[in-house]
PDB file of N, CA and C in Angstrom:
ATOM      1  N   MET A   1      40.028 -47.104  38.447  1.00  0.00           N
ATOM      2  CA  MET A   1      39.917 -47.778  39.801  1.00  0.00           C
ATOM      3  C   MET A   1      40.364 -49.128  39.605  1.00  0.00           C
ATOM      4  N   GLN A   2      39.885 -49.848  38.532  1.00  0.00           N
ATOM      5  CA  GLN A   2      40.155 -51.210  38.388  1.00  0.00           C
ATOM      6  C   GLN A   2      41.655 -51.479  38.191  1.00  0.00           C
ATOM      7  N   LYS A   3      42.357 -50.521  37.542  1.00  0.00           N
ATOM      8  CA  LYS A   3      43.731 -50.650  37.320  1.00  0.00           C
ATOM      9  C   LYS A   3      44.620 -50.586  38.680  1.00  0.00           C
ATOM     10  N   LEU A   4      43.962 -49.702  39.589  1.00  0.00           N
ATOM     11  CA  LEU A   4      44.596 -49.603  40.919  1.00  0.00           C
ATOM     12  C   LEU A   4      44.409 -50.913  41.695  1.00  0.00           C
ATOM     13  N   VAL A   5      43.215 -51.561  41.565  1.00  0.00           N
ATOM     14  CA  VAL A   5      42.949 -52.685  42.279  1.00  0.00           C
ATOM     15  C   VAL A   5      43.884 -53.818  41.705  1.00  0.00           C
ATOM     16  N   ASP A   6      44.010 -53.824  40.509  1.00  0.00           N
ATOM     17  CA  ASP A   6      44.907 -54.921  39.781  1.00  0.00           C
ATOM     18  C   ASP A   6      46.287 -54.793  39.994  1.00  0.00           C
ATOM     19  N   GLY A   7      46.705 -53.582  40.447  1.00  0.00           N
ATOM     20  CA  GLY A   7      48.129 -53.382  40.720  1.00  0.00           C
ATOM     21  C   GLY A   7      48.775 -52.708  39.508  1.00  0.00           C
ATOM     22  N   ASP A   8      48.118 -52.311  38.502  1.00  0.00           N
ATOM     23  CA  ASP A   8      48.691 -51.660  37.340  1.00  0.00           C
ATOM     24  C   ASP A   8      49.080 -50.231  37.626  1.00  0.00           C
ATOM     25  N   PHE A   9      48.285 -49.511  38.424  1.00  0.00           N
ATOM     26  CA  PHE A   9      48.611 -48.189  38.935  1.00  0.00           C
ATOM     27  C   PHE A   9      49.090 -48.162  40.304  1.00  0.00           C
ATOM     28  N   THR A  10      49.935 -47.199  40.724  1.00  0.00           N
ATOM     29  CA  THR A  10      50.162 -46.902  42.111  1.00  0.00           C
ATOM     30  C   THR A  10      49.178 -46.121  42.717  1.00  0.00           C
ATOM     31  N   LEU A  11      49.080 -45.850  43.931  1.00  0.00           N
ATOM     32  CA  LEU A  11      48.132 -44.952  44.617  1.00  0.00           C
ATOM     33  C   LEU A  11      48.394 -43.577  44.038  1.00  0.00           C
ATOM     34  N   ALA A  12      49.651 -43.170  43.957  1.00  0.00           N
ATOM     35  CA  ALA A  12      49.947 -41.829  43.589  1.00  0.00           C
ATOM     36  C   ALA A  12      49.492 -41.632  42.083  1.00  0.00           C
ATOM     37  N   GLN A  13      49.698 -42.612  41.326  1.00  0.00           N
ATOM     38  CA  GLN A  13      49.333 -42.492  39.782  1.00  0.00           C
ATOM     39  C   GLN A  13      47.878 -42.381  39.666  1.00  0.00           C
ATOM     40  N   ALA A  14      47.075 -43.145  40.496  1.00  0.00           N
ATOM     41  CA  ALA A  14      45.590 -43.070  40.487  1.00  0.00           C
ATOM     42  C   ALA A  14      45.170 -41.726  41.033  1.00  0.00           C
ATOM     43  N   ALA A  15      45.682 -41.148  42.164  1.00  0.00           N
ATOM     44  CA  ALA A  15      45.315 -39.931  42.677  1.00  0.00           C
ATOM     45  C   ALA A  15      45.604 -38.856  41.635  1.00  0.00           C
ATOM     46  N   SER A  16      46.755 -38.965  40.915  1.00  0.00           N
ATOM     47  CA  SER A  16      47.102 -37.910  39.977  1.00  0.00           C
ATOM     48  C   SER A  16      46.067 -37.899  38.876  1.00  0.00           C
ATOM     49  N   SER A  17      45.858 -39.077  38.268  1.00  0.00           N
ATOM     50  CA  SER A  17      44.945 -39.126  37.070  1.00  0.00           C
ATOM     51  C   SER A  17      43.532 -38.862  37.461  1.00  0.00           C
ATOM     52  N   LEU A  18      43.130 -39.108  38.695  1.00  0.00           N
ATOM     53  CA  LEU A  18      41.686 -38.779  39.018  1.00  0.00           C
ATOM     54  C   LEU A  18      41.607 -37.314  39.500  1.00  0.00           C
ATOM     55  N   GLY A  19      42.776 -36.657  39.890  1.00  0.00           N
ATOM     56  CA  GLY A  19      42.701 -35.329  40.407  1.00  0.00           C
ATOM     57  C   GLY A  19      42.135 -35.419  41.872  1.00  0.00           C
ATOM     58  N   LEU A  20      42.490 -36.523  42.602  1.00  0.00           N
ATOM     59  CA  LEU A  20      42.000 -36.638  44.035  1.00  0.00           C
ATOM     60  C   LEU A  20      43.230 -36.745  44.825  1.00  0.00           C
ATOM     61  N   SER A  21      43.055 -36.622  46.081  1.00  0.00           N
ATOM     62  CA  SER A  21      43.946 -36.923  47.107  1.00  0.00           C
ATOM     63  C   SER A  21      44.224 -38.385  47.366  1.00  0.00           C
ATOM     64  N   ASN A  22      45.391 -38.707  47.957  1.00  0.00           N
ATOM     65  CA  ASN A  22      45.656 -40.242  48.176  1.00  0.00           C
ATOM     66  C   ASN A  22      44.539 -40.791  49.072  1.00  0.00           C
ATOM     67  N   ARG A  23      44.224 -40.020  50.140  1.00  0.00           N
ATOM     68  CA  ARG A  23      43.108 -40.332  51.086  1.00  0.00           C
ATOM     69  C   ARG A  23      41.792 -40.661  50.411  1.00  0.00           C
ATOM     70  N   GLN A  24      41.390 -39.873  49.434  1.00  0.00           N
ATOM     71  CA  GLN A  24      40.202 -39.984  48.733  1.00  0.00           C
ATOM     72  C   GLN A  24      40.311 -41.288  47.887  1.00  0.00           C
ATOM     73  N   VAL A  25      41.472 -41.594  47.278  1.00  0.00           N
ATOM     74  CA  VAL A  25      41.408 -42.651  46.449  1.00  0.00           C
ATOM     75  C   VAL A  25      41.426 -43.962  47.232  1.00  0.00           C
ATOM     76  N   ILE A  26      42.066 -44.031  48.494  1.00  0.00           N
ATOM     77  CA  ILE A  26      42.015 -45.071  49.290  1.00  0.00           C
ATOM     78  C   ILE A  26      40.631 -45.387  49.812  1.00  0.00           C
ATOM     79  N   ARG A  27      39.771 -44.279  50.084  1.00  0.00           N
ATOM     80  CA  ARG A  27      38.452 -44.528  50.356  1.00  0.00           C
ATOM     81  C   ARG A  27      37.717 -45.039  49.166  1.00  0.00           C
ATOM     82  N   LEU A  28      37.830 -44.538  48.129  1.00  0.00           N
ATOM     83  CA  LEU A  28      37.077 -44.989  46.780  1.00  0.00           C
ATOM     84  C   LEU A  28      37.578 -46.555  46.466  1.00  0.00           C
ATOM     85  N   LYS A  29      38.867 -46.758  46.711  1.00  0.00           N
ATOM     86  CA  LYS A  29      39.354 -48.183  46.405  1.00  0.00           C
ATOM     87  C   LYS A  29      38.642 -49.088  47.243  1.00  0.00           C
ATOM     88  N   LYS A  30      38.490 -48.743  48.639  1.00  0.00           N
ATOM     89  CA  LYS A  30      37.972 -49.701  49.570  1.00  0.00           C
ATOM     90  C   LYS A  30      36.470 -49.902  49.145  1.00  0.00           C
ATOM     91  N   GLY A  31      35.609 -48.883  48.862  1.00  0.00           N
ATOM     92  CA  GLY A  31      34.288 -48.970  48.493  1.00  0.00           C
ATOM     93  C   GLY A  31      34.169 -49.786  47.127  1.00  0.00           C
ATOM     94  N   PHE A  32      35.127 -49.610  46.155  1.00  0.00           N
ATOM     95  CA  PHE A  32      35.129 -50.269  44.872  1.00  0.00           C
ATOM     96  C   PHE A  32      35.266 -51.811  45.134  1.00  0.00           C
ATOM     97  N   ILE A  33      36.071 -52.139  46.066  1.00  0.00           N
ATOM     98  CA  ILE A  33      36.337 -53.605  46.289  1.00  0.00           C
ATOM     99  C   ILE A  33      35.113 -54.174  47.021  1.00  0.00           C
ATOM    100  N   GLN A  34      34.518 -53.464  47.929  1.00  0.00           N
ATOM    101  CA  GLN A  34      33.375 -53.866  48.686  1.00  0.00           C
ATOM    102  C   GLN A  34      32.083 -53.965  47.932  1.00  0.00           C
ATOM    103  N   GLU A  35      31.781 -52.749  47.194  1.00  0.00           N
ATOM    104  CA  GLU A  35      30.509 -52.627  46.584  1.00  0.00           C
ATOM    105  C   GLU A  35      30.497 -52.528  45.067  1.00  0.00           C
ATOM    106  N   GLY A  36      31.624 -52.538  44.488  1.00  0.00           N
ATOM    107  CA  GLY A  36      31.688 -52.573  42.998  1.00  0.00           C
ATOM    108  C   GLY A  36      31.691 -51.110  42.469  1.00  0.00           C
ATOM    109  N   PRO A  37      31.666 -51.053  41.150  1.00  0.00           N
ATOM    110  CA  PRO A  37      31.817 -49.738  40.474  1.00  0.00           C
ATOM    111  C   PRO A  37      30.633 -48.686  40.798  1.00  0.00           C
ATOM    112  N   ALA A  38      29.607 -49.090  41.275  1.00  0.00           N
ATOM    113  CA  ALA A  38      28.446 -48.201  41.588  1.00  0.00           C
ATOM    114  C   ALA A  38      28.770 -47.292  42.753  1.00  0.00           C
ATOM    115  N   VAL A  39      29.869 -47.622  43.502  1.00  0.00           N
ATOM    116  CA  VAL A  39      30.216 -46.694  44.615  1.00  0.00           C
ATOM    117  C   VAL A  39      30.942 -45.364  43.992  1.00  0.00           C
ATOM    118  N   LEU A  40      31.333 -45.447  42.792  1.00  0.00           N
ATOM    119  CA  LEU A  40      31.978 -44.264  42.272  1.00  0.00           C
ATOM    120  C   LEU A  40      30.988 -43.229  41.727  1.00  0.00           C
ATOM    121  N   ILE A  41      29.662 -43.518  41.606  1.00  0.00           N
ATOM    122  CA  ILE A  41      28.677 -42.562  41.223  1.00  0.00           C
ATOM    123  C   ILE A  41      28.293 -41.763  42.433  1.00  0.00           C
ATOM    124  N   HIS A  42      28.189 -40.381  42.238  1.00  0.00           N
ATOM    125  CA  HIS A  42      27.822 -39.610  43.387  1.00  0.00           C
ATOM    126  C   HIS A  42      26.382 -39.938  43.816  1.00  0.00           C
ATOM    127  N   LYS A  43      26.078 -39.939  45.085  1.00  0.00           N
ATOM    128  CA  LYS A  43      24.788 -40.263  45.570  1.00  0.00           C
ATOM    129  C   LYS A  43      23.724 -39.316  45.202  1.00  0.00           C
ATOM    130  N   ASN A  44      24.050 -38.016  44.752  1.00  0.00           N
ATOM    131  CA  ASN A  44      23.036 -37.120  44.464  1.00  0.00           C
ATOM    132  C   ASN A  44      22.736 -37.093  42.881  1.00  0.00           C
ATOM    133  N   THR A  45      23.393 -37.972  42.174  1.00  0.00           N
ATOM    134  CA  THR A  45      23.167 -38.044  40.704  1.00  0.00           C
ATOM    135  C   THR A  45      21.694 -38.288  40.498  1.00  0.00           C
ATOM    136  N   ASN A  46      21.147 -37.535  39.475  1.00  0.00           N
ATOM    137  CA  ASN A  46      19.840 -37.638  39.129  1.00  0.00           C
ATOM    138  C   ASN A  46      18.829 -37.189  40.210  1.00  0.00           C
ATOM    139  N   CYS A  47      19.291 -36.511  41.157  1.00  0.00           N
ATOM    140  CA  CYS A  47      18.376 -35.868  42.178  1.00  0.00           C
ATOM    141  C   CYS A  47      18.099 -34.504  41.830  1.00  0.00           C
ATOM    142  N   LYS A  48      16.983 -34.095  41.895  1.00  0.00           N
ATOM    143  CA  LYS A  48      16.663 -32.630  41.729  1.00  0.00           C
ATOM    144  C   LYS A  48      16.977 -31.878  43.037  1.00  0.00           C
ATOM    145  N   PRO A  49      17.649 -30.586  42.806  1.00  0.00           N
ATOM    146  CA  PRO A  49      18.014 -29.825  43.969  1.00  0.00           C
ATOM    147  C   PRO A  49      16.732 -29.432  44.706  1.00  0.00           C
ATOM    148  N   ALA A  50      16.897 -29.152  46.013  1.00  0.00           N
ATOM    149  CA  ALA A  50      15.757 -28.718  46.878  1.00  0.00           C
ATOM    150  C   ALA A  50      15.238 -27.301  46.410  1.00  0.00           C
ATOM    151  N   HIS A  51      16.204 -26.464  45.968  1.00  0.00           N
ATOM    152  CA  HIS A  51      15.813 -25.201  45.716  1.00  0.00           C
ATOM    153  C   HIS A  51      15.465 -24.980  44.109  1.00  0.00           C
ATOM    154  N   ALA A  52      15.246 -26.013  43.374  1.00  0.00           N
ATOM    155  CA  ALA A  52      15.021 -25.971  41.920  1.00  0.00           C
ATOM    156  C   ALA A  52      13.388 -25.673  41.842  1.00  0.00           C
ATOM    157  N   LEU A  53      13.307 -25.057  40.782  1.00  0.00           N
ATOM    158  CA  LEU A  53      11.844 -24.686  40.298  1.00  0.00           C
ATOM    159  C   LEU A  53      11.135 -25.938  39.973  1.00  0.00           C
ATOM    160  N   GLY A  54       9.819 -26.044  40.268  1.00  0.00           N
ATOM    161  CA  GLY A  54       9.095 -27.088  39.711  1.00  0.00           C
ATOM    162  C   GLY A  54       8.901 -27.079  38.261  1.00  0.00           C
ATOM    163  N   ASP A  55       8.713 -28.223  37.618  1.00  0.00           N
ATOM    164  CA  ASP A  55       8.552 -28.268  36.206  1.00  0.00           C
ATOM    165  C   ASP A  55       7.505 -27.440  35.580  1.00  0.00           C
ATOM    166  N   GLU A  56       6.351 -27.470  36.296  1.00  0.00           N
ATOM    167  CA  GLU A  56       5.151 -26.639  35.859  1.00  0.00           C
ATOM    168  C   GLU A  56       5.570 -25.033  35.972  1.00  0.00           C
ATOM    169  N   LEU A  57       6.033 -24.684  36.921  1.00  0.00           N
ATOM    170  CA  LEU A  57       6.468 -23.244  37.078  1.00  0.00           C
ATOM    171  C   LEU A  57       7.574 -22.905  36.017  1.00  0.00           C
ATOM    172  N   ALA A  58       8.530 -23.692  35.769  1.00  0.00           N
ATOM    173  CA  ALA A  58       9.558 -23.423  34.904  1.00  0.00           C
ATOM    174  C   ALA A  58       9.027 -23.362  33.434  1.00  0.00           C
ATOM    175  N   ALA A  59       8.085 -24.305  33.139  1.00  0.00           N
ATOM    176  CA  ALA A  59       7.357 -24.203  31.801  1.00  0.00           C
ATOM    177  C   ALA A  59       6.569 -22.878  31.697  1.00  0.00           C
ATOM    178  N   LYS A  60       5.851 -22.483  32.763  1.00  0.00           N
ATOM    179  CA  LYS A  60       5.155 -21.148  32.611  1.00  0.00           C
ATOM    180  C   LYS A  60       6.011 -20.014  32.423  1.00  0.00           C
ATOM    181  N   ILE A  61       7.227 -19.998  33.122  1.00  0.00           N
ATOM    182  CA  ILE A  61       8.125 -18.833  32.933  1.00  0.00           C
ATOM    183  C   ILE A  61       8.686 -18.921  31.507  1.00  0.00           C
ATOM    184  N   ILE A  62       8.933 -19.912  31.032  1.00  0.00           N
ATOM    185  CA  ILE A  62       9.452 -20.080  29.668  1.00  0.00           C
ATOM    186  C   ILE A  62       8.486 -19.633  28.610  1.00  0.00           C
ATOM    187  N   SER A  63       7.169 -20.088  28.753  1.00  0.00           N
ATOM    188  CA  SER A  63       6.238 -19.669  27.803  1.00  0.00           C
ATOM    189  C   SER A  63       5.962 -18.085  28.056  1.00  0.00           C
ATOM    190  N   LEU A  64       5.958 -17.573  29.190  1.00  0.00           N
ATOM    191  CA  LEU A  64       5.837 -16.131  29.355  1.00  0.00           C
ATOM    192  C   LEU A  64       6.882 -15.444  28.666  1.00  0.00           C
ATOM    193  N   LYS A  65       8.172 -15.805  28.770  1.00  0.00           N
ATOM    194  CA  LYS A  65       9.332 -15.110  28.049  1.00  0.00           C
ATOM    195  C   LYS A  65       9.177 -15.241  26.570  1.00  0.00           C
ATOM    196  N   GLN A  66       8.690 -16.313  26.042  1.00  0.00           N
ATOM    197  CA  GLN A  66       8.552 -16.378  24.658  1.00  0.00           C
ATOM    198  C   GLN A  66       7.277 -15.791  24.093  1.00  0.00           C
ATOM    199  N   SER A  67       6.407 -15.231  25.019  1.00  0.00           N
ATOM    200  CA  SER A  67       5.241 -14.598  24.545  1.00  0.00           C
ATOM    201  C   SER A  67       5.487 -13.254  23.938  1.00  0.00           C
ATOM    202  N   GLU A  68       4.613 -12.728  23.223  1.00  0.00           N
ATOM    203  CA  GLU A  68       4.769 -11.432  22.519  1.00  0.00           C
ATOM    204  C   GLU A  68       4.900 -10.327  23.602  1.00  0.00           C
ATOM    205  N   LEU A  69       4.370 -10.418  24.714  1.00  0.00           N
ATOM    206  CA  LEU A  69       4.489  -9.295  25.748  1.00  0.00           C
ATOM    207  C   LEU A  69       5.811  -9.197  26.301  1.00  0.00           C
ATOM    208  N   TYR A  70       6.645 -10.375  26.530  1.00  0.00           N
ATOM    209  CA  TYR A  70       7.956 -10.257  27.085  1.00  0.00           C
ATOM    210  C   TYR A  70       9.110 -10.662  26.247  1.00  0.00           C
ATOM    211  N   ARG A  71       8.771 -10.843  25.013  1.00  0.00           N
ATOM    212  CA  ARG A  71       9.937 -11.388  24.103  1.00  0.00           C
ATOM    213  C   ARG A  71      11.080 -10.505  24.084  1.00  0.00           C
ATOM    214  N   ASP A  72      10.868  -9.168  24.012  1.00  0.00           N
ATOM    215  CA  ASP A  72      11.971  -8.225  23.844  1.00  0.00           C
ATOM    216  C   ASP A  72      12.683  -7.835  25.156  1.00  0.00           C
ATOM    217  N   ALA A  73      12.171  -8.151  26.253  1.00  0.00           N
ATOM    218  CA  ALA A  73      12.744  -7.904  27.499  1.00  0.00           C
ATOM    219  C   ALA A  73      13.983  -8.649  27.799  1.00  0.00           C
ATOM    220  N   ASN A  74      15.086  -8.016  28.296  1.00  0.00           N
ATOM    221  CA  ASN A  74      16.202  -8.690  28.674  1.00  0.00           C
ATOM    222  C   ASN A  74      15.922  -9.466  30.100  1.00  0.00           C
ATOM    223  N   PHE A  75      16.752 -10.204  30.528  1.00  0.00           N
ATOM    224  CA  PHE A  75      16.436 -11.197  31.710  1.00  0.00           C
ATOM    225  C   PHE A  75      16.095 -10.311  32.990  1.00  0.00           C
ATOM    226  N   LEU A  76      16.919  -9.242  33.286  1.00  0.00           N
ATOM    227  CA  LEU A  76      16.656  -8.416  34.258  1.00  0.00           C
ATOM    228  C   LEU A  76      15.371  -7.787  34.300  1.00  0.00           C
ATOM    229  N   HIS A  77      15.082  -7.154  33.108  1.00  0.00           N
ATOM    230  CA  HIS A  77      13.852  -6.455  32.881  1.00  0.00           C
ATOM    231  C   HIS A  77      12.702  -7.487  32.952  1.00  0.00           C
ATOM    232  N   PHE A  78      12.891  -8.626  32.445  1.00  0.00           N
ATOM    233  CA  PHE A  78      11.930  -9.513  32.397  1.00  0.00           C
ATOM    234  C   PHE A  78      11.502 -10.075  33.904  1.00  0.00           C
ATOM    235  N   GLN A  79      12.516 -10.157  34.704  1.00  0.00           N
ATOM    236  CA  GLN A  79      12.404 -10.489  36.033  1.00  0.00           C
ATOM    237  C   GLN A  79      11.584  -9.441  36.825  1.00  0.00           C
ATOM    238  N   GLU A  80      11.892  -8.245  36.549  1.00  0.00           N
ATOM    239  CA  GLU A  80      11.149  -7.111  37.193  1.00  0.00           C
ATOM    240  C   GLU A  80       9.758  -7.064  36.794  1.00  0.00           C
ATOM    241  N   LEU A  81       9.495  -7.335  35.316  1.00  0.00           N
ATOM    242  CA  LEU A  81       8.096  -7.394  34.945  1.00  0.00           C
ATOM    243  C   LEU A  81       7.320  -8.435  35.410  1.00  0.00           C
ATOM    244  N   LEU A  82       7.946  -9.677  35.572  1.00  0.00           N
ATOM    245  CA  LEU A  82       7.246 -10.803  36.241  1.00  0.00           C
ATOM    246  C   LEU A  82       6.762 -10.307  37.730  1.00  0.00           C
ATOM    247  N   SER A  83       7.798  -9.951  38.432  1.00  0.00           N
ATOM    248  CA  SER A  83       7.435  -9.540  39.834  1.00  0.00           C
ATOM    249  C   SER A  83       6.372  -8.514  39.874  1.00  0.00           C
ATOM    250  N   ARG A  84       6.286  -7.693  39.005  1.00  0.00           N
ATOM    251  CA  ARG A  84       5.274  -6.541  39.077  1.00  0.00           C
ATOM    252  C   ARG A  84       3.927  -6.997  38.517  1.00  0.00           C
ATOM    253  N   HIS A  85       3.850  -7.893  37.442  1.00  0.00           N
ATOM    254  CA  HIS A  85       2.618  -8.183  36.771  1.00  0.00           C
ATOM    255  C   HIS A  85       2.200  -9.585  36.977  1.00  0.00           C
ATOM    256  N   GLU A  86       3.021 -10.496  37.167  1.00  0.00           N
ATOM    257  CA  GLU A  86       2.640 -11.836  37.353  1.00  0.00           C
ATOM    258  C   GLU A  86       2.498 -12.293  38.754  1.00  0.00           C
TER     259      GLU A  86
END
């Protein structure tokens, strides 16, 4: 993005190298000039998805899968066993 701002890259070259449309590159260039490089980082970076399992539940599921009781079950069978017994 800095090369585009400095004039070393054309808009078409920047769009091609970034794999974006000219319109997207124009929008990013404007934000880059106004706010700096931080504008290039996606706003959801380091945010946990709303549908993700909680850390506690994920740890419990992993420990159950590694236990002697469920160790030999494939994932589909493990899922069925969890819904039936846990």
